[in-house]
Amino acid sequence: MIQNMEIWVQKTIRTIRLEKNYTQEYIATKLNISQSYYGRIENGKADLNIDTLYKILTILDTDYIDFFMQVKSNEKNRSKY
């Protein structure tokens, strides 16, 4: 269950980033990390801790509550298939 939540968190981050037309390079620069490392975060190949998630959501100008509501919505919509 937790692993599934992590997947949906990563997918939602990517979705929001793309909606805002931000590149991985842009987010990575703001986080002061490499683009490849940021890409690994989005793809679930690197751990995403709560501090980094907070920083990403701040860059994306996205509120925690709205974010997790979107995560849950995406998870529910996908589980219908």
C-alpha atoms as a PDB file:
ATOM      1  CA  MET A   1       0.000   0.000   0.000  1.00  0.00           C
ATOM      2  CA  ILE A   2       2.731   2.477   0.933  1.00  0.00           C
ATOM      3  CA  GLN A   3       4.701   1.571  -2.175  1.00  0.00           C
ATOM      4  CA  ASN A   4       1.639   2.309  -4.313  1.00  0.00           C
ATOM      5  CA  MET A   5       1.266   5.684  -2.597  1.00  0.00           C
ATOM      6  CA  GLU A   6       4.901   6.507  -3.384  1.00  0.00           C
ATOM      7  CA  ILE A   7       4.288   5.711  -7.045  1.00  0.00           C
ATOM      8  CA  TRP A   8       1.250   8.006  -7.137  1.00  0.00           C
ATOM      9  CA  VAL A   9       3.151  10.782  -5.363  1.00  0.00           C
ATOM     10  CA  GLN A  10       5.888  10.595  -7.999  1.00  0.00           C
ATOM     11  CA  LYS A  11       3.386  10.482 -10.877  1.00  0.00           C
ATOM     12  CA  THR A  12       1.479  13.444  -9.469  1.00  0.00           C
ATOM     13  CA  ILE A  13       4.666  15.493  -9.096  1.00  0.00           C
ATOM     14  CA  ARG A  14       5.452  14.807 -12.746  1.00  0.00           C
ATOM     15  CA  THR A  15       1.891  15.648 -13.832  1.00  0.00           C
ATOM     16  CA  ILE A  16       1.908  18.979 -12.017  1.00  0.00           C
ATOM     17  CA  ARG A  17       5.377  19.821 -13.333  1.00  0.00           C
ATOM     18  CA  LEU A  18       4.256  19.162 -16.897  1.00  0.00           C
ATOM     19  CA  GLU A  19       1.027  21.148 -16.410  1.00  0.00           C
ATOM     20  CA  LYS A  20       3.135  24.113 -15.351  1.00  0.00           C
ATOM     21  CA  ASN A  21       5.506  23.592 -18.304  1.00  0.00           C
ATOM     22  CA  TYR A  22       8.509  23.211 -16.006  1.00  0.00           C
ATOM     23  CA  THR A  23      11.408  21.062 -17.101  1.00  0.00           C
ATOM     24  CA  GLN A  24      13.183  18.596 -14.878  1.00  0.00           C
ATOM     25  CA  GLU A  25      16.245  20.806 -15.304  1.00  0.00           C
ATOM     26  CA  TYR A  26      14.354  23.818 -13.935  1.00  0.00           C
ATOM     27  CA  ILE A  27      13.187  21.948 -10.830  1.00  0.00           C
ATOM     28  CA  ALA A  28      16.602  20.386 -10.309  1.00  0.00           C
ATOM     29  CA  THR A  29      18.294  23.789 -10.522  1.00  0.00           C
ATOM     30  CA  LYS A  30      15.900  25.204  -7.932  1.00  0.00           C
ATOM     31  CA  LEU A  31      16.619  22.197  -5.682  1.00  0.00           C
ATOM     32  CA  ASN A  32      20.362  22.513  -6.275  1.00  0.00           C
ATOM     33  CA  ILE A  33      20.614  18.917  -7.505  1.00  0.00           C
ATOM     34  CA  SER A  34      21.416  17.393 -10.886  1.00  0.00           C
ATOM     35  CA  GLN A  35      18.706  16.883 -13.474  1.00  0.00           C
ATOM     36  CA  SER A  36      19.495  13.168 -13.579  1.00  0.00           C
ATOM     37  CA  TYR A  37      18.979  12.849  -9.827  1.00  0.00           C
ATOM     38  CA  TYR A  38      15.696  14.745 -10.048  1.00  0.00           C
ATOM     39  CA  GLY A  39      14.627  12.456 -12.879  1.00  0.00           C
ATOM     40  CA  ARG A  40      15.385   9.483 -10.655  1.00  0.00           C
ATOM     41  CA  ILE A  41      13.133  10.985  -7.959  1.00  0.00           C
ATOM     42  CA  GLU A  42      10.251  11.305 -10.435  1.00  0.00           C
ATOM     43  CA  ASN A  43      10.846   7.773 -11.703  1.00  0.00           C
ATOM     44  CA  GLY A  44      11.013   6.237  -8.235  1.00  0.00           C
ATOM     45  CA  LYS A  45      14.670   5.311  -8.523  1.00  0.00           C
ATOM     46  CA  ALA A  46      15.747   7.686  -5.732  1.00  0.00           C
ATOM     47  CA  ASP A  47      14.179   8.192  -2.340  1.00  0.00           C
ATOM     48  CA  LEU A  48      11.903  11.161  -1.868  1.00  0.00           C
ATOM     49  CA  ASN A  49      11.943  12.420   1.691  1.00  0.00           C
ATOM     50  CA  ILE A  50       9.432  14.818   3.168  1.00  0.00           C
ATOM     51  CA  ASP A  51      11.854  17.767   3.063  1.00  0.00           C
ATOM     52  CA  THR A  52      12.495  17.326  -0.645  1.00  0.00           C
ATOM     53  CA  LEU A  53       8.792  16.849  -1.307  1.00  0.00           C
ATOM     54  CA  TYR A  54       8.096  20.120   0.528  1.00  0.00           C
ATOM     55  CA  LYS A  55      10.707  21.925  -1.592  1.00  0.00           C
ATOM     56  CA  ILE A  56       9.303  20.470  -4.818  1.00  0.00           C
ATOM     57  CA  LEU A  57       5.756  21.458  -3.896  1.00  0.00           C
ATOM     58  CA  THR A  58       6.964  24.956  -3.055  1.00  0.00           C
ATOM     59  CA  ILE A  59       8.644  25.262  -6.462  1.00  0.00           C
ATOM     60  CA  LEU A  60       5.475  23.950  -8.102  1.00  0.00           C
ATOM     61  CA  ASP A  61       3.440  26.431  -6.034  1.00  0.00           C
ATOM     62  CA  THR A  62       1.264  23.555  -4.847  1.00  0.00           C
ATOM     63  CA  ASP A  63      -0.281  23.229  -1.418  1.00  0.00           C
ATOM     64  CA  TYR A  64       0.154  19.927   0.503  1.00  0.00           C
ATOM     65  CA  ILE A  65      -3.578  19.352   0.901  1.00  0.00           C
ATOM     66  CA  ASP A  66      -4.320  20.007  -2.764  1.00  0.00           C
ATOM     67  CA  PHE A  67      -1.395  17.806  -3.741  1.00  0.00           C
ATOM     68  CA  PHE A  68      -2.480  14.808  -1.692  1.00  0.00           C
ATOM     69  CA  MET A  69      -6.080  15.217  -2.805  1.00  0.00           C
ATOM     70  CA  GLN A  70      -4.812  15.011  -6.387  1.00  0.00           C
ATOM     71  CA  VAL A  71      -2.669  11.960  -5.508  1.00  0.00           C
ATOM     72  CA  LYS A  72      -5.708  10.221  -4.038  1.00  0.00           C
ATOM     73  CA  SER A  73      -7.892  11.193  -6.983  1.00  0.00           C
ATOM     74  CA  ASN A  74      -5.333   9.892  -9.482  1.00  0.00           C
ATOM     75  CA  GLU A  75      -5.003   6.660  -7.530  1.00  0.00           C
ATOM     76  CA  LYS A  76      -8.787   6.130  -7.403  1.00  0.00           C
ATOM     77  CA  ASN A  77      -9.251   6.925 -11.090  1.00  0.00           C
ATOM     78  CA  ARG A  78      -6.493   4.543 -12.103  1.00  0.00           C
ATOM     79  CA  SER A  79      -7.788   1.720  -9.891  1.00  0.00           C
ATOM     80  CA  LYS A  80     -11.105   1.782 -11.784  1.00  0.00           C
ATOM     81  CA  TYR A  81      -9.400   0.238 -14.829  1.00  0.00           C
END
